């Protein structure tokens, strides 16, 4: 990919610090962090689904109740907290 457009972006100090900290943690430039954020946020919906599926498949294993009713109850409880 060839970078051919220049963009001037003004950020408040708090946002800049967040982006700069992420760049330092990843060992990349601030511009790279911003380009990656754009790519994640503005992807076509099919790409978003593919990314979400990749995240699900890459997730660490976690304990899941063996009884589907217990799993349903746990999910309902979590949903209740989220929407409360």
PDB file of N, CA and C in Angstrom:
ATOM      1  N   UNK A   1       0.850  -1.176   0.000  1.00  0.00           N
ATOM      2  CA  UNK A   1       0.000   0.000   0.000  1.00  0.00           C
ATOM      3  C   UNK A   1       0.895   1.238   0.000  1.00  0.00           C
ATOM      4  N   UNK A   2       0.610   2.105  -0.910  1.00  0.00           N
ATOM      5  CA  UNK A   2       1.374   3.346  -1.024  1.00  0.00           C
ATOM      6  C   UNK A   2       0.641   4.456  -0.291  1.00  0.00           C
ATOM      7  N   UNK A   3       1.360   5.163   0.557  1.00  0.00           N
ATOM      8  CA  UNK A   3       0.764   6.283   1.283  1.00  0.00           C
ATOM      9  C   UNK A   3       0.906   7.527   0.427  1.00  0.00           C
ATOM     10  N   UNK A   4      -0.223   8.115   0.009  1.00  0.00           N
ATOM     11  CA  UNK A   4      -0.151   9.232  -0.922  1.00  0.00           C
ATOM     12  C   UNK A   4      -0.919  10.462  -0.460  1.00  0.00           C
ATOM     13  N   UNK A   5      -1.600  10.392   0.651  1.00  0.00           N
ATOM     14  CA  UNK A   5      -2.381  11.535   1.137  1.00  0.00           C
ATOM     15  C   UNK A   5      -1.857  11.982   2.493  1.00  0.00           C
ATOM     16  N   UNK A   6      -1.715  13.269   2.643  1.00  0.00           N
ATOM     17  CA  UNK A   6      -1.286  13.842   3.924  1.00  0.00           C
ATOM     18  C   UNK A   6      -2.521  14.415   4.599  1.00  0.00           C
ATOM     19  N   UNK A   7      -2.589  14.223   5.914  1.00  0.00           N
ATOM     20  CA  UNK A   7      -3.728  14.697   6.687  1.00  0.00           C
ATOM     21  C   UNK A   7      -3.230  15.397   7.937  1.00  0.00           C
ATOM     22  N   UNK A   8      -3.785  16.562   8.216  1.00  0.00           N
ATOM     23  CA  UNK A   8      -3.462  17.241   9.464  1.00  0.00           C
ATOM     24  C   UNK A   8      -4.618  16.990  10.414  1.00  0.00           C
ATOM     25  N   UNK A   9      -4.297  16.498  11.597  1.00  0.00           N
ATOM     26  CA  UNK A   9      -5.308  16.131  12.579  1.00  0.00           C
ATOM     27  C   UNK A   9      -4.954  16.762  13.917  1.00  0.00           C
ATOM     28  N   UNK A  10      -5.887  17.473  14.487  1.00  0.00           N
ATOM     29  CA  UNK A  10      -5.671  18.075  15.791  1.00  0.00           C
ATOM     30  C   UNK A  10      -6.349  17.221  16.851  1.00  0.00           C
ATOM     31  N   UNK A  11      -5.613  16.912  17.917  1.00  0.00           N
ATOM     32  CA  UNK A  11      -6.134  16.108  19.020  1.00  0.00           C
ATOM     33  C   UNK A  11      -5.948  16.861  20.322  1.00  0.00           C
ATOM     34  N   UNK A  12      -6.867  16.617  21.261  1.00  0.00           N
ATOM     35  CA  UNK A  12      -6.633  17.162  22.594  1.00  0.00           C
ATOM     36  C   UNK A  12      -5.534  16.326  23.252  1.00  0.00           C
ATOM     37  N   UNK A  13      -4.988  16.819  24.343  1.00  0.00           N
ATOM     38  CA  UNK A  13      -3.842  16.164  24.984  1.00  0.00           C
ATOM     39  C   UNK A  13      -4.174  14.747  25.441  1.00  0.00           C
ATOM     40  N   UNK A  14      -5.352  14.540  25.983  1.00  0.00           N
ATOM     41  CA  UNK A  14      -5.728  13.212  26.479  1.00  0.00           C
ATOM     42  C   UNK A  14      -5.763  12.181  25.344  1.00  0.00           C
ATOM     43  N   UNK A  15      -6.356  12.532  24.233  1.00  0.00           N
ATOM     44  CA  UNK A  15      -6.392  11.596  23.095  1.00  0.00           C
ATOM     45  C   UNK A  15      -4.982  11.338  22.569  1.00  0.00           C
ATOM     46  N   UNK A  16      -4.198  12.410  22.455  1.00  0.00           N
ATOM     47  CA  UNK A  16      -2.838  12.225  21.959  1.00  0.00           C
ATOM     48  C   UNK A  16      -2.051  11.277  22.864  1.00  0.00           C
ATOM     49  N   UNK A  17      -2.175  11.452  24.172  1.00  0.00           N
ATOM     50  CA  UNK A  17      -1.450  10.580  25.103  1.00  0.00           C
ATOM     51  C   UNK A  17      -1.879   9.127  24.943  1.00  0.00           C
ATOM     52  N   UNK A  18      -3.171   8.891  24.748  1.00  0.00           N
ATOM     53  CA  UNK A  18      -3.653   7.517  24.547  1.00  0.00           C
ATOM     54  C   UNK A  18      -3.066   6.908  23.272  1.00  0.00           C
ATOM     55  N   UNK A  19      -3.081   7.676  22.194  1.00  0.00           N
ATOM     56  CA  UNK A  19      -2.551   7.182  20.916  1.00  0.00           C
ATOM     57  C   UNK A  19      -1.038   6.980  21.030  1.00  0.00           C
ATOM     58  N   UNK A  20      -0.344   7.920  21.636  1.00  0.00           N
ATOM     59  CA  UNK A  20       1.116   7.815  21.774  1.00  0.00           C
ATOM     60  C   UNK A  20       1.498   6.621  22.648  1.00  0.00           C
ATOM     61  N   UNK A  21       0.737   6.377  23.719  1.00  0.00           N
ATOM     62  CA  UNK A  21       1.027   5.228  24.587  1.00  0.00           C
ATOM     63  C   UNK A  21       0.823   3.915  23.829  1.00  0.00           C
ATOM     64  N   UNK A  22      -0.222   3.843  23.034  1.00  0.00           N
ATOM     65  CA  UNK A  22      -0.471   2.636  22.234  1.00  0.00           C
ATOM     66  C   UNK A  22       0.641   2.444  21.209  1.00  0.00           C
ATOM     67  N   UNK A  23       1.062   3.518  20.568  1.00  0.00           N
ATOM     68  CA  UNK A  23       2.140   3.432  19.586  1.00  0.00           C
ATOM     69  C   UNK A  23       3.419   2.924  20.236  1.00  0.00           C
ATOM     70  N   UNK A  24       3.739   3.455  21.400  1.00  0.00           N
ATOM     71  CA  UNK A  24       4.954   3.021  22.091  1.00  0.00           C
ATOM     72  C   UNK A  24       4.846   1.554  22.499  1.00  0.00           C
ATOM     73  N   UNK A  25       3.689   1.153  23.012  1.00  0.00           N
ATOM     74  CA  UNK A  25       3.502  -0.237  23.436  1.00  0.00           C
ATOM     75  C   UNK A  25       3.636  -1.201  22.263  1.00  0.00           C
ATOM     76  N   UNK A  26       3.162  -0.786  21.089  1.00  0.00           N
ATOM     77  CA  UNK A  26       3.237  -1.650  19.905  1.00  0.00           C
ATOM     78  C   UNK A  26       4.531  -1.491  19.128  1.00  0.00           C
ATOM     79  N   UNK A  27       5.294  -0.453  19.448  1.00  0.00           N
ATOM     80  CA  UNK A  27       6.540  -0.215  18.731  1.00  0.00           C
ATOM     81  C   UNK A  27       6.326   0.302  17.320  1.00  0.00           C
ATOM     82  N   UNK A  28       5.276   1.104  17.146  1.00  0.00           N
ATOM     83  CA  UNK A  28       4.969   1.669  15.831  1.00  0.00           C
ATOM     84  C   UNK A  28       4.769   3.173  15.981  1.00  0.00           C
ATOM     85  N   UNK A  29       4.571   3.850  14.864  1.00  0.00           N
ATOM     86  CA  UNK A  29       4.361   5.297  14.895  1.00  0.00           C
ATOM     87  C   UNK A  29       2.934   5.627  15.320  1.00  0.00           C
ATOM     88  N   UNK A  30       2.749   6.869  15.764  1.00  0.00           N
ATOM     89  CA  UNK A  30       1.412   7.360  16.084  1.00  0.00           C
ATOM     90  C   UNK A  30       0.538   7.292  14.836  1.00  0.00           C
ATOM     91  N   UNK A  31       1.093   7.650  13.693  1.00  0.00           N
ATOM     92  CA  UNK A  31       0.332   7.606  12.447  1.00  0.00           C
ATOM     93  C   UNK A  31      -0.166   6.193  12.154  1.00  0.00           C
ATOM     94  N   UNK A  32       0.667   5.196  12.427  1.00  0.00           N
ATOM     95  CA  UNK A  32       0.258   3.801  12.192  1.00  0.00           C
ATOM     96  C   UNK A  32      -0.922   3.420  13.080  1.00  0.00           C
ATOM     97  N   UNK A  33      -0.890   3.846  14.334  1.00  0.00           N
ATOM     98  CA  UNK A  33      -1.996   3.556  15.248  1.00  0.00           C
ATOM     99  C   UNK A  33      -3.285   4.183  14.724  1.00  0.00           C
ATOM    100  N   UNK A  34      -3.201   5.411  14.236  1.00  0.00           N
ATOM    101  CA  UNK A  34      -4.386   6.093  13.715  1.00  0.00           C
ATOM    102  C   UNK A  34      -4.886   5.406  12.446  1.00  0.00           C
ATOM    103  N   UNK A  35      -3.971   5.015  11.535  1.00  0.00           N
ATOM    104  CA  UNK A  35      -4.399   4.301  10.326  1.00  0.00           C
ATOM    105  C   UNK A  35      -5.077   2.982  10.685  1.00  0.00           C
ATOM    106  N   UNK A  36      -4.516   2.255  11.658  1.00  0.00           N
ATOM    107  CA  UNK A  36      -5.125   0.993  12.083  1.00  0.00           C
ATOM    108  C   UNK A  36      -6.511   1.217  12.672  1.00  0.00           C
ATOM    109  N   UNK A  37      -6.671   2.290  13.449  1.00  0.00           N
ATOM    110  CA  UNK A  37      -7.979   2.600  14.034  1.00  0.00           C
ATOM    111  C   UNK A  37      -8.999   2.903  12.935  1.00  0.00           C
ATOM    112  N   UNK A  38      -8.577   3.622  11.913  1.00  0.00           N
ATOM    113  CA  UNK A  38      -9.466   3.908  10.781  1.00  0.00           C
ATOM    114  C   UNK A  38      -9.855   2.612  10.094  1.00  0.00           C
ATOM    115  N   UNK A  39      -8.884   1.741   9.853  1.00  0.00           N
ATOM    116  CA  UNK A  39      -9.172   0.472   9.187  1.00  0.00           C
ATOM    117  C   UNK A  39     -10.157  -0.376   9.981  1.00  0.00           C
ATOM    118  N   UNK A  40     -10.013  -0.389  11.314  1.00  0.00           N
ATOM    119  CA  UNK A  40     -10.928  -1.174  12.142  1.00  0.00           C
ATOM    120  C   UNK A  40     -12.322  -0.561  12.180  1.00  0.00           C
ATOM    121  N   UNK A  41     -12.406   0.761  12.195  1.00  0.00           N
ATOM    122  CA  UNK A  41     -13.686   1.431  12.382  1.00  0.00           C
ATOM    123  C   UNK A  41     -14.489   1.597  11.098  1.00  0.00           C
ATOM    124  N   UNK A  42     -13.821   1.706   9.996  1.00  0.00           N
ATOM    125  CA  UNK A  42     -14.508   2.037   8.746  1.00  0.00           C
ATOM    126  C   UNK A  42     -14.413   0.924   7.707  1.00  0.00           C
ATOM    127  N   UNK A  43     -14.519  -0.309   8.143  1.00  0.00           N
ATOM    128  CA  UNK A  43     -14.465  -1.428   7.213  1.00  0.00           C
ATOM    129  C   UNK A  43     -15.870  -1.792   6.754  1.00  0.00           C
ATOM    130  N   UNK A  44     -16.005  -2.329   5.554  1.00  0.00           N
ATOM    131  CA  UNK A  44     -17.324  -2.811   5.117  1.00  0.00           C
ATOM    132  C   UNK A  44     -17.849  -3.864   6.093  1.00  0.00           C
ATOM    133  N   UNK A  45     -19.156  -3.994   6.194  1.00  0.00           N
ATOM    134  CA  UNK A  45     -19.747  -4.888   7.191  1.00  0.00           C
ATOM    135  C   UNK A  45     -19.295  -6.335   7.020  1.00  0.00           C
ATOM    136  N   UNK A  46     -19.070  -6.797   5.790  1.00  0.00           N
ATOM    137  CA  UNK A  46     -18.591  -8.170   5.586  1.00  0.00           C
ATOM    138  C   UNK A  46     -17.208  -8.350   6.199  1.00  0.00           C
ATOM    139  N   UNK A  47     -16.356  -7.341   6.055  1.00  0.00           N
ATOM    140  CA  UNK A  47     -15.029  -7.404   6.657  1.00  0.00           C
ATOM    141  C   UNK A  47     -15.120  -7.393   8.172  1.00  0.00           C
ATOM    142  N   UNK A  48     -16.050  -6.614   8.718  1.00  0.00           N
ATOM    143  CA  UNK A  48     -16.235  -6.569  10.167  1.00  0.00           C
ATOM    144  C   UNK A  48     -16.652  -7.929  10.701  1.00  0.00           C
ATOM    145  N   UNK A  49     -17.522  -8.595   9.975  1.00  0.00           N
ATOM    146  CA  UNK A  49     -17.944  -9.937  10.404  1.00  0.00           C
ATOM    147  C   UNK A  49     -16.763 -10.894  10.374  1.00  0.00           C
ATOM    148  N   UNK A  50     -15.944 -10.799   9.342  1.00  0.00           N
ATOM    149  CA  UNK A  50     -14.774 -11.675   9.247  1.00  0.00           C
ATOM    150  C   UNK A  50     -13.804 -11.405  10.387  1.00  0.00           C
ATOM    151  N   UNK A  51     -13.603 -10.137  10.713  1.00  0.00           N
ATOM    152  CA  UNK A  51     -12.718  -9.776  11.824  1.00  0.00           C
ATOM    153  C   UNK A  51     -13.286 -10.290  13.139  1.00  0.00           C
ATOM    154  N   UNK A  52     -14.591 -10.121  13.338  1.00  0.00           N
ATOM    155  CA  UNK A  52     -15.222 -10.605  14.568  1.00  0.00           C
ATOM    156  C   UNK A  52     -15.079 -12.113  14.682  1.00  0.00           C
ATOM    157  N   UNK A  53     -15.282 -12.816  13.591  1.00  0.00           N
ATOM    158  CA  UNK A  53     -15.137 -14.268  13.605  1.00  0.00           C
ATOM    159  C   UNK A  53     -13.699 -14.665  13.924  1.00  0.00           C
ATOM    160  N   UNK A  54     -12.732 -13.945  13.360  1.00  0.00           N
ATOM    161  CA  UNK A  54     -11.331 -14.224  13.649  1.00  0.00           C
ATOM    162  C   UNK A  54     -11.035 -14.028  15.137  1.00  0.00           C
ATOM    163  N   UNK A  55     -11.607 -12.982  15.733  1.00  0.00           N
ATOM    164  CA  UNK A  55     -11.413 -12.740  17.168  1.00  0.00           C
ATOM    165  C   UNK A  55     -12.015 -13.875  18.001  1.00  0.00           C
ATOM    166  N   UNK A  56     -13.159 -14.356  17.589  1.00  0.00           N
ATOM    167  CA  UNK A  56     -13.793 -15.464  18.313  1.00  0.00           C
ATOM    168  C   UNK A  56     -12.913 -16.703  18.240  1.00  0.00           C
ATOM    169  N   UNK A  57     -12.436 -17.041  17.052  1.00  0.00           N
ATOM    170  CA  UNK A  57     -11.602 -18.233  16.896  1.00  0.00           C
ATOM    171  C   UNK A  57     -10.248 -18.094  17.594  1.00  0.00           C
ATOM    172  N   UNK A  58      -9.749 -16.869  17.711  1.00  0.00           N
ATOM    173  CA  UNK A  58      -8.458 -16.644  18.355  1.00  0.00           C
ATOM    174  C   UNK A  58      -8.559 -16.485  19.875  1.00  0.00           C
ATOM    175  N   UNK A  59      -9.779 -16.438  20.394  1.00  0.00           N
ATOM    176  CA  UNK A  59      -9.976 -16.219  21.829  1.00  0.00           C
ATOM    177  C   UNK A  59      -9.433 -17.404  22.636  1.00  0.00           C
ATOM    178  N   UNK A  60      -8.958 -17.081  23.834  1.00  0.00           N
ATOM    179  CA  UNK A  60      -8.477 -18.114  24.740  1.00  0.00           C
ATOM    180  C   UNK A  60      -9.651 -18.977  25.199  1.00  0.00           C
ATOM    181  N   UNK A  61      -9.422 -20.276  25.381  1.00  0.00           N
ATOM    182  CA  UNK A  61     -10.496 -21.137  25.883  1.00  0.00           C
ATOM    183  C   UNK A  61     -10.960 -20.656  27.260  1.00  0.00           C
ATOM    184  N   UNK A  62     -12.230 -20.864  27.536  1.00  0.00           N
ATOM    185  CA  UNK A  62     -12.782 -20.466  28.826  1.00  0.00           C
ATOM    186  C   UNK A  62     -13.778 -21.516  29.294  1.00  0.00           C
ATOM    187  N   UNK A  63     -13.974 -21.600  30.599  1.00  0.00           N
ATOM    188  CA  UNK A  63     -14.915 -22.595  31.094  1.00  0.00           C
ATOM    189  C   UNK A  63     -16.344 -22.262  30.664  1.00  0.00           C
ATOM    190  N   UNK A  64     -17.059 -23.283  30.246  1.00  0.00           N
ATOM    191  CA  UNK A  64     -18.448 -23.130  29.816  1.00  0.00           C
ATOM    192  C   UNK A  64     -19.265 -24.206  30.520  1.00  0.00           C
ATOM    193  N   UNK A  65     -20.428 -23.839  31.072  1.00  0.00           N
ATOM    194  CA  UNK A  65     -21.255 -24.852  31.732  1.00  0.00           C
ATOM    195  C   UNK A  65     -21.628 -25.972  30.765  1.00  0.00           C
ATOM    196  N   UNK A  66     -21.633 -27.194  31.269  1.00  0.00           N
ATOM    197  CA  UNK A  66     -21.979 -28.340  30.417  1.00  0.00           C
ATOM    198  C   UNK A  66     -23.463 -28.379  30.091  1.00  0.00           C
ATOM    199  N   UNK A  67     -24.285 -27.968  31.024  1.00  0.00           N
ATOM    200  CA  UNK A  67     -25.732 -27.986  30.820  1.00  0.00           C
ATOM    201  C   UNK A  67     -26.148 -26.721  30.069  1.00  0.00           C
ATOM    202  N   UNK A  68     -26.774 -26.858  28.908  1.00  0.00           N
ATOM    203  CA  UNK A  68     -27.188 -25.674  28.145  1.00  0.00           C
ATOM    204  C   UNK A  68     -28.085 -24.730  28.954  1.00  0.00           C
ATOM    205  N   UNK A  69     -28.891 -25.254  29.859  1.00  0.00           N
ATOM    206  CA  UNK A  69     -29.749 -24.393  30.679  1.00  0.00           C
ATOM    207  C   UNK A  69     -28.913 -23.504  31.592  1.00  0.00           C
ATOM    208  N   UNK A  70     -27.816 -24.054  32.123  1.00  0.00           N
ATOM    209  CA  UNK A  70     -26.923 -23.246  32.960  1.00  0.00           C
ATOM    210  C   UNK A  70     -26.248 -22.151  32.139  1.00  0.00           C
ATOM    211  N   UNK A  71     -25.860 -22.512  30.912  1.00  0.00           N
ATOM    212  CA  UNK A  71     -25.245 -21.526  30.025  1.00  0.00           C
ATOM    213  C   UNK A  71     -26.246 -20.422  29.699  1.00  0.00           C
ATOM    214  N   UNK A  72     -27.475 -20.791  29.396  1.00  0.00           N
ATOM    215  CA  UNK A  72     -28.518 -19.813  29.082  1.00  0.00           C
ATOM    216  C   UNK A  72     -28.740 -18.866  30.268  1.00  0.00           C
ATOM    217  N   UNK A  73     -28.786 -19.431  31.476  1.00  0.00           N
ATOM    218  CA  UNK A  73     -28.989 -18.613  32.674  1.00  0.00           C
ATOM    219  C   UNK A  73     -27.831 -17.638  32.867  1.00  0.00           C
ATOM    220  N   UNK A  74     -26.611 -18.124  32.633  1.00  0.00           N
ATOM    221  CA  UNK A  74     -25.443 -17.250  32.771  1.00  0.00           C
ATOM    222  C   UNK A  74     -25.488 -16.115  31.756  1.00  0.00           C
ATOM    223  N   UNK A  75     -25.834 -16.446  30.520  1.00  0.00           N
ATOM    224  CA  UNK A  75     -25.917 -15.412  29.482  1.00  0.00           C
ATOM    225  C   UNK A  75     -27.031 -14.415  29.773  1.00  0.00           C
ATOM    226  N   UNK A  76     -28.180 -14.911  30.236  1.00  0.00           N
ATOM    227  CA  UNK A  76     -29.281 -14.009  30.586  1.00  0.00           C
ATOM    228  C   UNK A  76     -28.877 -13.070  31.712  1.00  0.00           C
ATOM    229  N   UNK A  77     -28.150 -13.607  32.688  1.00  0.00           N
ATOM    230  CA  UNK A  77     -27.687 -12.765  33.796  1.00  0.00           C
ATOM    231  C   UNK A  77     -26.738 -11.684  33.293  1.00  0.00           C
ATOM    232  N   UNK A  78     -25.809 -12.056  32.420  1.00  0.00           N
ATOM    233  CA  UNK A  78     -24.882 -11.068  31.866  1.00  0.00           C
ATOM    234  C   UNK A  78     -25.613 -10.011  31.046  1.00  0.00           C
ATOM    235  N   UNK A  79     -26.555 -10.443  30.252  1.00  0.00           N
ATOM    236  CA  UNK A  79     -27.335  -9.484  29.448  1.00  0.00           C
ATOM    237  C   UNK A  79     -28.124  -8.543  30.340  1.00  0.00           C
ATOM    238  N   UNK A  80     -28.662  -9.067  31.419  1.00  0.00           N
ATOM    239  CA  UNK A  80     -29.424  -8.238  32.346  1.00  0.00           C
ATOM    240  C   UNK A  80     -28.562  -7.143  32.941  1.00  0.00           C
ATOM    241  N   UNK A  81     -27.323  -7.478  33.266  1.00  0.00           N
ATOM    242  CA  UNK A  81     -26.411  -6.476  33.821  1.00  0.00           C
ATOM    243  C   UNK A  81     -26.036  -5.445  32.791  1.00  0.00           C
ATOM    244  N   UNK A  82     -25.846  -5.890  31.554  1.00  0.00           N
ATOM    245  CA  UNK A  82     -25.410  -4.989  30.507  1.00  0.00           C
ATOM    246  C   UNK A  82     -26.504  -3.978  30.152  1.00  0.00           C
ATOM    247  N   UNK A  83     -27.760  -4.416  30.163  1.00  0.00           N
ATOM    248  CA  UNK A  83     -28.847  -3.548  29.751  1.00  0.00           C
ATOM    249  C   UNK A  83     -29.518  -2.833  30.914  1.00  0.00           C
ATOM    250  N   UNK A  84     -29.065  -3.129  32.114  1.00  0.00           N
ATOM    251  CA  UNK A  84     -29.717  -2.506  33.271  1.00  0.00           C
ATOM    252  C   UNK A  84     -29.345  -1.054  33.391  1.00  0.00           C
TER     253      UNK A  84
END
